[in-house]
Amino acid sequence: MLEWVGGNPPEGWFITLGRVATTYYFVHFLILLPLLGKIERPLPLPDSISKPVLGGRGMLTQPAE
């Protein structure tokens, strides 16, 4: 939106539309995204990747060479 408005002459309703789009741009990145980071929580990580992959048999006792 801002790219299209910026390519037009600065007169008439393009000025108003540019101001609204600029306000939304900064509100989105400075207010909405930090709030979502506080509200949303990721799922807990599994205890070990070997449980889902190996069916719970555990890990090898010797490291691979």
Protein backbone atom coordinates (compact mmCIF):
# COMPACT_ATOMS: atom_id res chain seq x y z
CA MET A 1 0.00 0.00 0.00
CA LEU A 2 2.76 2.44 0.97
CA GLU A 3 4.67 1.69 -2.23
CA TRP A 4 1.63 2.40 -4.38
CA VAL A 5 0.76 5.60 -2.49
CA GLY A 6 4.37 6.77 -2.71
CA GLY A 7 4.33 6.35 -6.49
CA ASN A 8 1.43 8.79 -6.85
CA PRO A 9 1.53 12.58 -6.66
CA PRO A 10 1.28 13.97 -3.10
CA GLU A 11 -2.16 15.50 -3.43
CA GLY A 12 -5.75 14.75 -2.58
CA TRP A 13 -6.68 11.51 -0.84
CA PHE A 14 -3.24 9.97 -1.42
CA ILE A 15 -1.95 12.00 1.54
CA THR A 16 -4.67 10.69 3.87
CA LEU A 17 -4.27 7.12 2.65
CA GLY A 18 -0.50 7.35 3.12
CA ARG A 19 -0.89 8.59 6.68
CA VAL A 20 -3.33 5.81 7.56
CA ALA A 21 -1.10 3.14 6.01
CA THR A 22 1.99 4.52 7.78
CA THR A 23 0.17 4.54 11.13
CA TYR A 24 -0.92 0.93 10.67
CA TYR A 25 2.62 -0.09 9.64
CA PHE A 26 4.16 1.23 12.87
CA VAL A 27 1.31 0.00 15.09
CA HIS A 28 1.70 -3.48 13.62
CA PHE A 29 5.44 -3.77 14.29
CA LEU A 30 5.75 -1.74 17.50
CA ILE A 31 2.54 -2.71 19.32
CA LEU A 32 0.78 -5.78 17.86
CA LEU A 33 3.76 -8.10 17.37
CA PRO A 34 5.22 -7.55 20.87
CA LEU A 35 1.76 -8.14 22.37
CA LEU A 36 1.39 -11.40 20.45
CA GLY A 37 4.79 -12.48 21.72
CA LYS A 38 3.59 -12.01 25.30
CA ILE A 39 0.19 -13.66 24.76
CA GLU A 40 1.06 -16.71 22.64
CA ARG A 41 3.12 -19.51 24.14
CA PRO A 42 4.81 -22.29 22.14
CA LEU A 43 4.17 -25.96 22.82
CA PRO A 44 6.61 -27.62 25.22
CA LEU A 45 9.57 -29.45 23.69
CA PRO A 46 9.70 -33.24 23.96
CA ASP A 47 12.05 -34.76 26.54
CA SER A 48 14.22 -36.27 23.86
CA ILE A 49 14.07 -36.65 20.12
CA SER A 50 14.87 -40.36 20.56
CA LYS A 51 11.44 -41.06 22.07
CA PRO A 52 9.36 -40.05 19.03
CA VAL A 53 11.93 -41.30 16.50
CA LEU A 54 12.94 -44.61 18.07
CA GLY A 55 9.61 -45.37 19.69
CA GLY A 56 10.90 -44.81 23.22
CA ARG A 57 13.76 -47.35 23.07
CA GLY A 58 16.28 -44.79 24.19
CA MET A 59 19.60 -43.68 22.76
CA LEU A 60 22.63 -45.73 21.81
CA THR A 61 25.20 -46.34 24.53
CA GLN A 62 28.22 -45.84 22.25
CA PRO A 63 28.68 -42.69 20.15
CA ALA A 64 29.01 -43.20 16.41
CA GLU A 65 32.51 -42.91 14.96
